[in-house]
Amino acid sequence: MRDYSLQEIVHIGVDLFNPEDFLEKMPVQTQWSETRKYCLTKAYRCFLNHHAIKAVLPKYKVTRSLPYIPPEEYLDQIIACANQMLAVWLQTLKETAVRPIEAWKIERDDIDFDAKKLRVTHPAKAATQES
C-alpha cells in the first residue's frame, strides 16, 4: 500500500526527495479526507526515514465513523432463523453486555433463575489484582 500511496503523491506533482514540495502541495488537496492525508503522510514519512531525509511533516487526525448497528427488528429476525443453541447464544449477546467468548462459556451454575441474573465466571480479559 505504501507504494501506491507514494505513486499517488508523485501523481500530484510532489518530488519525493524534496519534503518542502510535499509541505506545499499536501494541504491544498481538497479531494482527500483527513484520514487519506494521514495515510499518505505516513507512507511518505517511511520513505523519508528509509532515505535518511529529515523533515517535519504535518499531522492529520484520523476520524473514525460509528459502526453500523442494525435495528433491533433485524436482530430478532436473525435470532428467529437460527437453530435453538445458536439462538440462545445470540439472544444472550443481544440482551447483555458480555463478550461472545464469555457468553459461550456460561454454565448452568452461572444463571440465577430466581433473581433473573447472569454471572460471568470466565471473563475474556483477566482482572488485574493489586497487592
N, C-alpha and C. Protein backbone atom coordinates (compact mmCIF):
# COMPACT_ATOMS: atom_id res chain seq x y z
N MET A 1 0.81 -1.20 0.00
CA MET A 1 0.00 0.00 0.00
C MET A 1 0.86 1.26 0.00
N ARG A 2 2.03 1.19 0.60
CA ARG A 2 2.87 2.39 0.63
C ARG A 2 3.33 2.77 -0.77
N ASP A 3 3.59 1.76 -1.61
CA ASP A 3 3.99 2.05 -2.98
C ASP A 3 2.87 2.82 -3.69
N TYR A 4 1.66 2.34 -3.52
CA TYR A 4 0.52 3.02 -4.15
C TYR A 4 0.38 4.43 -3.60
N SER A 5 0.56 4.60 -2.31
CA SER A 5 0.46 5.93 -1.69
C SER A 5 1.53 6.85 -2.23
N LEU A 6 2.74 6.35 -2.37
CA LEU A 6 3.82 7.18 -2.92
C LEU A 6 3.55 7.54 -4.38
N GLN A 7 2.98 6.61 -5.14
CA GLN A 7 2.61 6.91 -6.52
C GLN A 7 1.56 8.01 -6.57
N GLU A 8 0.64 7.97 -5.64
CA GLU A 8 -0.40 8.99 -5.58
C GLU A 8 0.19 10.36 -5.25
N ILE A 9 1.18 10.38 -4.38
CA ILE A 9 1.86 11.64 -4.03
C ILE A 9 2.60 12.18 -5.24
N VAL A 10 3.28 11.30 -5.96
CA VAL A 10 4.01 11.71 -7.16
C VAL A 10 3.03 12.22 -8.23
N HIS A 11 1.85 11.59 -8.29
CA HIS A 11 0.83 11.97 -9.28
C HIS A 11 0.38 13.42 -9.11
N ILE A 12 0.39 13.95 -7.91
CA ILE A 12 0.00 15.35 -7.70
C ILE A 12 1.18 16.30 -7.90
N GLY A 13 2.33 15.76 -8.28
CA GLY A 13 3.47 16.60 -8.64
C GLY A 13 4.48 16.84 -7.54
N VAL A 14 4.53 15.95 -6.55
CA VAL A 14 5.48 16.11 -5.44
C VAL A 14 6.79 15.40 -5.80
N ASP A 15 7.90 16.09 -5.61
CA ASP A 15 9.23 15.48 -5.72
C ASP A 15 9.51 14.80 -4.38
N LEU A 16 9.58 13.48 -4.39
CA LEU A 16 9.71 12.73 -3.14
C LEU A 16 10.97 13.08 -2.35
N PHE A 17 12.01 13.51 -3.02
CA PHE A 17 13.24 13.82 -2.32
C PHE A 17 13.30 15.27 -1.84
N ASN A 18 12.18 16.00 -2.01
CA ASN A 18 12.09 17.38 -1.56
C ASN A 18 10.89 17.52 -0.61
N PRO A 19 11.10 17.40 0.69
CA PRO A 19 9.98 17.49 1.64
C PRO A 19 9.23 18.81 1.59
N GLU A 20 9.91 19.89 1.20
CA GLU A 20 9.24 21.20 1.11
C GLU A 20 8.15 21.16 0.04
N ASP A 21 8.38 20.41 -1.01
CA ASP A 21 7.40 20.25 -2.07
C ASP A 21 6.15 19.56 -1.52
N PHE A 22 6.36 18.55 -0.71
CA PHE A 22 5.25 17.84 -0.07
C PHE A 22 4.47 18.79 0.84
N LEU A 23 5.20 19.58 1.63
CA LEU A 23 4.57 20.51 2.56
C LEU A 23 3.75 21.58 1.83
N GLU A 24 4.15 21.94 0.61
CA GLU A 24 3.41 22.92 -0.18
C GLU A 24 2.13 22.34 -0.77
N LYS A 25 2.23 21.15 -1.33
CA LYS A 25 1.13 20.60 -2.13
C LYS A 25 0.11 19.79 -1.33
N MET A 26 0.50 19.25 -0.22
CA MET A 26 -0.42 18.39 0.53
C MET A 26 -1.61 19.16 1.13
N PRO A 27 -1.41 20.30 1.78
CA PRO A 27 -2.56 20.99 2.40
C PRO A 27 -3.61 21.48 1.41
N VAL A 28 -3.25 21.70 0.15
CA VAL A 28 -4.21 22.23 -0.82
C VAL A 28 -5.02 21.14 -1.51
N GLN A 29 -4.78 19.90 -1.17
CA GLN A 29 -5.53 18.79 -1.77
C GLN A 29 -6.88 18.68 -1.07
N THR A 30 -7.93 19.11 -1.76
CA THR A 30 -9.27 19.11 -1.15
C THR A 30 -10.04 17.83 -1.43
N GLN A 31 -9.58 17.03 -2.39
CA GLN A 31 -10.31 15.81 -2.75
C GLN A 31 -10.07 14.68 -1.75
N TRP A 32 -9.08 14.82 -0.88
CA TRP A 32 -8.74 13.77 0.08
C TRP A 32 -9.27 14.11 1.46
N SER A 33 -9.70 13.09 2.16
CA SER A 33 -10.15 13.26 3.55
C SER A 33 -8.92 13.37 4.45
N GLU A 34 -9.17 13.75 5.69
CA GLU A 34 -8.07 13.85 6.65
C GLU A 34 -7.44 12.47 6.88
N THR A 35 -8.26 11.43 6.85
CA THR A 35 -7.75 10.07 7.04
C THR A 35 -6.84 9.67 5.88
N ARG A 36 -7.23 10.03 4.66
CA ARG A 36 -6.39 9.71 3.50
C ARG A 36 -5.07 10.48 3.56
N LYS A 37 -5.15 11.74 3.96
CA LYS A 37 -3.93 12.54 4.10
C LYS A 37 -3.01 11.95 5.17
N TYR A 38 -3.62 11.43 6.24
CA TYR A 38 -2.84 10.78 7.29
C TYR A 38 -2.08 9.57 6.73
N CYS A 39 -2.77 8.75 5.95
CA CYS A 39 -2.14 7.55 5.38
C CYS A 39 -1.03 7.91 4.39
N LEU A 40 -1.27 8.94 3.56
CA LEU A 40 -0.25 9.36 2.60
C LEU A 40 0.97 9.94 3.32
N THR A 41 0.73 10.72 4.36
CA THR A 41 1.83 11.30 5.13
C THR A 41 2.64 10.21 5.82
N LYS A 42 1.95 9.20 6.32
CA LYS A 42 2.63 8.08 6.98
C LYS A 42 3.53 7.33 5.98
N ALA A 43 3.01 7.10 4.78
CA ALA A 43 3.82 6.43 3.75
C ALA A 43 5.01 7.29 3.37
N TYR A 44 4.80 8.58 3.25
CA TYR A 44 5.90 9.49 2.88
C TYR A 44 6.93 9.57 4.00
N ARG A 45 6.48 9.54 5.25
CA ARG A 45 7.40 9.55 6.39
C ARG A 45 8.30 8.30 6.35
N CYS A 46 7.73 7.15 6.01
CA CYS A 46 8.52 5.92 5.90
C CYS A 46 9.56 6.05 4.78
N PHE A 47 9.15 6.67 3.67
CA PHE A 47 10.08 6.89 2.56
C PHE A 47 11.23 7.78 3.00
N LEU A 48 10.91 8.86 3.70
CA LEU A 48 11.96 9.78 4.18
C LEU A 48 12.89 9.09 5.16
N ASN A 49 12.35 8.31 6.07
CA ASN A 49 13.19 7.57 7.04
C ASN A 49 14.12 6.59 6.33
N HIS A 50 13.60 5.92 5.30
CA HIS A 50 14.41 4.95 4.56
C HIS A 50 15.58 5.63 3.87
N HIS A 51 15.37 6.85 3.39
CA HIS A 51 16.43 7.58 2.68
C HIS A 51 17.17 8.57 3.60
N ALA A 52 16.93 8.48 4.91
CA ALA A 52 17.61 9.32 5.91
C ALA A 52 17.46 10.81 5.61
N ILE A 53 16.25 11.20 5.23
CA ILE A 53 15.96 12.61 4.97
C ILE A 53 15.16 13.14 6.15
N LYS A 54 15.64 14.21 6.75
CA LYS A 54 14.98 14.80 7.91
C LYS A 54 13.93 15.82 7.45
N ALA A 55 12.74 15.74 8.03
CA ALA A 55 11.68 16.70 7.70
C ALA A 55 10.62 16.65 8.79
N VAL A 56 9.97 17.78 9.00
CA VAL A 56 8.84 17.85 9.93
C VAL A 56 7.58 17.88 9.07
N LEU A 57 6.79 16.80 9.14
CA LEU A 57 5.59 16.69 8.32
C LEU A 57 4.37 17.08 9.14
N PRO A 58 3.31 17.54 8.46
CA PRO A 58 2.09 17.90 9.18
C PRO A 58 1.43 16.68 9.79
N LYS A 59 0.65 16.90 10.84
CA LYS A 59 -0.08 15.80 11.48
C LYS A 59 -1.55 15.92 11.11
N TYR A 60 -2.12 14.81 10.73
CA TYR A 60 -3.53 14.76 10.38
C TYR A 60 -4.24 13.85 11.35
N LYS A 61 -5.46 14.18 11.67
CA LYS A 61 -6.22 13.42 12.64
C LYS A 61 -7.12 12.42 11.91
N VAL A 62 -7.05 11.18 12.34
CA VAL A 62 -7.88 10.14 11.77
C VAL A 62 -9.24 10.17 12.47
N THR A 63 -10.28 10.30 11.67
CA THR A 63 -11.62 10.27 12.23
C THR A 63 -12.28 8.96 11.82
N ARG A 64 -12.81 8.30 12.78
CA ARG A 64 -13.47 7.03 12.51
C ARG A 64 -14.97 7.21 12.66
N SER A 65 -15.69 6.68 11.69
CA SER A 65 -17.14 6.78 11.75
C SER A 65 -17.68 5.70 12.69
N LEU A 66 -18.88 5.92 13.16
CA LEU A 66 -19.50 4.94 14.04
C LEU A 66 -19.85 3.68 13.24
N PRO A 67 -19.72 2.52 13.86
CA PRO A 67 -20.07 1.30 13.14
C PRO A 67 -21.58 1.20 12.92
N TYR A 68 -21.96 0.46 11.91
CA TYR A 68 -23.37 0.24 11.63
C TYR A 68 -23.97 -0.66 12.70
N ILE A 69 -25.06 -0.22 13.28
CA ILE A 69 -25.78 -1.02 14.26
C ILE A 69 -27.16 -1.28 13.67
N PRO A 70 -27.46 -2.54 13.37
CA PRO A 70 -28.75 -2.82 12.73
C PRO A 70 -29.91 -2.58 13.69
N PRO A 71 -31.09 -2.31 13.15
CA PRO A 71 -32.27 -2.14 14.01
C PRO A 71 -32.56 -3.44 14.77
N GLU A 72 -33.20 -3.30 15.90
CA GLU A 72 -33.50 -4.46 16.74
C GLU A 72 -34.35 -5.50 16.02
N GLU A 73 -35.22 -5.05 15.12
CA GLU A 73 -36.06 -5.99 14.38
C GLU A 73 -35.21 -6.93 13.52
N TYR A 74 -34.13 -6.42 12.95
CA TYR A 74 -33.23 -7.26 12.14
C TYR A 74 -32.58 -8.33 13.01
N LEU A 75 -32.13 -7.91 14.19
CA LEU A 75 -31.51 -8.87 15.11
C LEU A 75 -32.50 -9.96 15.50
N ASP A 76 -33.74 -9.54 15.77
CA ASP A 76 -34.78 -10.52 16.15
C ASP A 76 -35.03 -11.51 15.02
N GLN A 77 -35.00 -11.04 13.77
CA GLN A 77 -35.20 -11.93 12.63
C GLN A 77 -34.06 -12.94 12.50
N ILE A 78 -32.85 -12.49 12.73
CA ILE A 78 -31.70 -13.40 12.66
C ILE A 78 -31.80 -14.45 13.75
N ILE A 79 -32.15 -14.02 14.95
CA ILE A 79 -32.27 -14.96 16.07
C ILE A 79 -33.38 -15.97 15.81
N ALA A 80 -34.49 -15.51 15.24
CA ALA A 80 -35.61 -16.41 14.96
C ALA A 80 -35.25 -17.46 13.92
N CYS A 81 -34.36 -17.16 13.01
CA CYS A 81 -33.97 -18.10 11.96
C CYS A 81 -32.89 -19.09 12.39
N ALA A 82 -32.23 -18.82 13.50
CA ALA A 82 -31.12 -19.66 13.95
C ALA A 82 -31.64 -20.92 14.64
N ASN A 83 -30.76 -21.95 14.72
CA ASN A 83 -31.14 -23.14 15.46
C ASN A 83 -31.19 -22.80 16.95
N GLN A 84 -31.72 -23.70 17.77
CA GLN A 84 -32.01 -23.39 19.17
C GLN A 84 -30.76 -22.98 19.96
N MET A 85 -29.67 -23.70 19.81
CA MET A 85 -28.46 -23.39 20.59
C MET A 85 -27.87 -22.04 20.18
N LEU A 86 -27.80 -21.79 18.89
CA LEU A 86 -27.28 -20.52 18.40
C LEU A 86 -28.22 -19.37 18.77
N ALA A 87 -29.51 -19.61 18.73
CA ALA A 87 -30.49 -18.57 19.06
C ALA A 87 -30.35 -18.14 20.52
N VAL A 88 -30.13 -19.09 21.42
CA VAL A 88 -29.95 -18.76 22.84
C VAL A 88 -28.69 -17.93 23.01
N TRP A 89 -27.62 -18.32 22.34
CA TRP A 89 -26.36 -17.58 22.42
C TRP A 89 -26.52 -16.16 21.88
N LEU A 90 -27.16 -16.03 20.71
CA LEU A 90 -27.37 -14.71 20.11
C LEU A 90 -28.27 -13.83 20.98
N GLN A 91 -29.30 -14.42 21.57
CA GLN A 91 -30.18 -13.65 22.45
C GLN A 91 -29.43 -13.18 23.69
N THR A 92 -28.54 -14.00 24.20
CA THR A 92 -27.72 -13.61 25.35
C THR A 92 -26.83 -12.43 24.99
N LEU A 93 -26.23 -12.48 23.82
CA LEU A 93 -25.39 -11.38 23.37
C LEU A 93 -26.20 -10.10 23.21
N LYS A 94 -27.41 -10.25 22.70
CA LYS A 94 -28.26 -9.08 22.46
C LYS A 94 -28.72 -8.44 23.76
N GLU A 95 -29.05 -9.25 24.74
CA GLU A 95 -29.66 -8.75 25.98
C GLU A 95 -28.65 -8.34 27.05
N THR A 96 -27.40 -8.80 26.92
CA THR A 96 -26.39 -8.49 27.94
C THR A 96 -25.22 -7.77 27.30
N ALA A 97 -24.28 -7.40 28.10
CA ALA A 97 -23.08 -6.72 27.60
C ALA A 97 -21.87 -7.65 27.62
N VAL A 98 -22.10 -8.95 27.63
CA VAL A 98 -20.97 -9.88 27.68
C VAL A 98 -20.33 -10.01 26.31
N ARG A 99 -19.06 -10.36 26.32
CA ARG A 99 -18.35 -10.63 25.08
C ARG A 99 -18.78 -12.00 24.56
N PRO A 100 -18.64 -12.23 23.25
CA PRO A 100 -19.07 -13.53 22.70
C PRO A 100 -18.43 -14.74 23.39
N ILE A 101 -17.13 -14.68 23.68
CA ILE A 101 -16.47 -15.81 24.32
C ILE A 101 -16.98 -16.01 25.74
N GLU A 102 -17.33 -14.91 26.42
CA GLU A 102 -17.88 -15.03 27.77
C GLU A 102 -19.26 -15.69 27.74
N ALA A 103 -20.06 -15.32 26.76
CA ALA A 103 -21.39 -15.93 26.63
C ALA A 103 -21.27 -17.40 26.29
N TRP A 104 -20.27 -17.75 25.51
CA TRP A 104 -20.08 -19.15 25.12
C TRP A 104 -19.69 -20.01 26.32
N LYS A 105 -19.00 -19.44 27.30
CA LYS A 105 -18.51 -20.20 28.45
C LYS A 105 -19.47 -20.18 29.64
N ILE A 106 -20.67 -19.65 29.48
CA ILE A 106 -21.64 -19.63 30.58
C ILE A 106 -22.10 -21.05 30.87
N GLU A 107 -22.13 -21.38 32.15
CA GLU A 107 -22.59 -22.70 32.58
C GLU A 107 -23.90 -22.54 33.35
N ARG A 108 -24.57 -23.65 33.59
CA ARG A 108 -25.87 -23.62 34.27
C ARG A 108 -25.76 -22.98 35.66
N ASP A 109 -24.66 -23.22 36.36
CA ASP A 109 -24.48 -22.66 37.71
C ASP A 109 -24.32 -21.14 37.69
N ASP A 110 -24.02 -20.58 36.54
CA ASP A 110 -23.84 -19.13 36.42
C ASP A 110 -25.16 -18.38 36.31
N ILE A 111 -26.25 -19.10 36.16
CA ILE A 111 -27.56 -18.47 35.98
C ILE A 111 -28.35 -18.56 37.27
N ASP A 112 -28.80 -17.41 37.77
CA ASP A 112 -29.66 -17.35 38.95
C ASP A 112 -31.08 -17.07 38.45
N PHE A 113 -31.87 -18.15 38.32
CA PHE A 113 -33.21 -18.02 37.75
C PHE A 113 -34.15 -17.21 38.64
N ASP A 114 -34.00 -17.34 39.96
CA ASP A 114 -34.89 -16.62 40.88
C ASP A 114 -34.66 -15.11 40.80
N ALA A 115 -33.41 -14.68 40.82
CA ALA A 115 -33.08 -13.26 40.77
C ALA A 115 -32.99 -12.74 39.33
N LYS A 116 -33.11 -13.66 38.37
CA LYS A 116 -33.00 -13.31 36.94
C LYS A 116 -31.68 -12.59 36.66
N LYS A 117 -30.60 -13.22 37.12
CA LYS A 117 -29.26 -12.65 36.93
C LYS A 117 -28.35 -13.68 36.30
N LEU A 118 -27.35 -13.16 35.60
CA LEU A 118 -26.36 -13.98 34.94
C LEU A 118 -24.99 -13.57 35.46
N ARG A 119 -24.19 -14.54 35.86
CA ARG A 119 -22.88 -14.27 36.42
C ARG A 119 -21.82 -14.72 35.40
N VAL A 120 -20.83 -13.87 35.16
CA VAL A 120 -19.74 -14.22 34.25
C VAL A 120 -18.58 -14.72 35.10
N THR A 121 -18.35 -16.04 35.07
CA THR A 121 -17.29 -16.63 35.88
C THR A 121 -16.02 -16.87 35.08
N HIS A 122 -16.11 -16.73 33.76
CA HIS A 122 -14.94 -16.90 32.90
C HIS A 122 -14.78 -15.64 32.04
N PRO A 123 -14.25 -14.57 32.64
CA PRO A 123 -14.11 -13.33 31.86
C PRO A 123 -13.09 -13.48 30.73
N ALA A 124 -13.34 -12.77 29.64
CA ALA A 124 -12.45 -12.83 28.48
C ALA A 124 -11.12 -12.17 28.79
N LYS A 125 -11.17 -11.12 29.58
CA LYS A 125 -9.93 -10.42 29.96
C LYS A 125 -9.77 -10.59 31.46
N ALA A 126 -8.60 -11.07 31.86
CA ALA A 126 -8.36 -11.32 33.28
C ALA A 126 -8.31 -10.00 34.05
N ALA A 127 -8.93 -9.99 35.20
CA ALA A 127 -8.90 -8.80 36.05
C ALA A 127 -7.53 -8.71 36.71
N THR A 128 -7.01 -7.50 36.80
CA THR A 128 -5.70 -7.33 37.43
C THR A 128 -5.88 -7.26 38.94
N GLN A 129 -5.01 -7.91 39.65
CA GLN A 129 -5.08 -7.90 41.10
C GLN A 129 -4.00 -6.98 41.63
N GLU A 130 -4.40 -6.15 42.59
CA GLU A 130 -3.44 -5.25 43.21
C GLU A 130 -3.04 -5.83 44.56
N SER A 131 -1.78 -5.82 44.85
CA SER A 131 -1.30 -6.36 46.13
C SER A 131 -1.31 -5.29 47.19
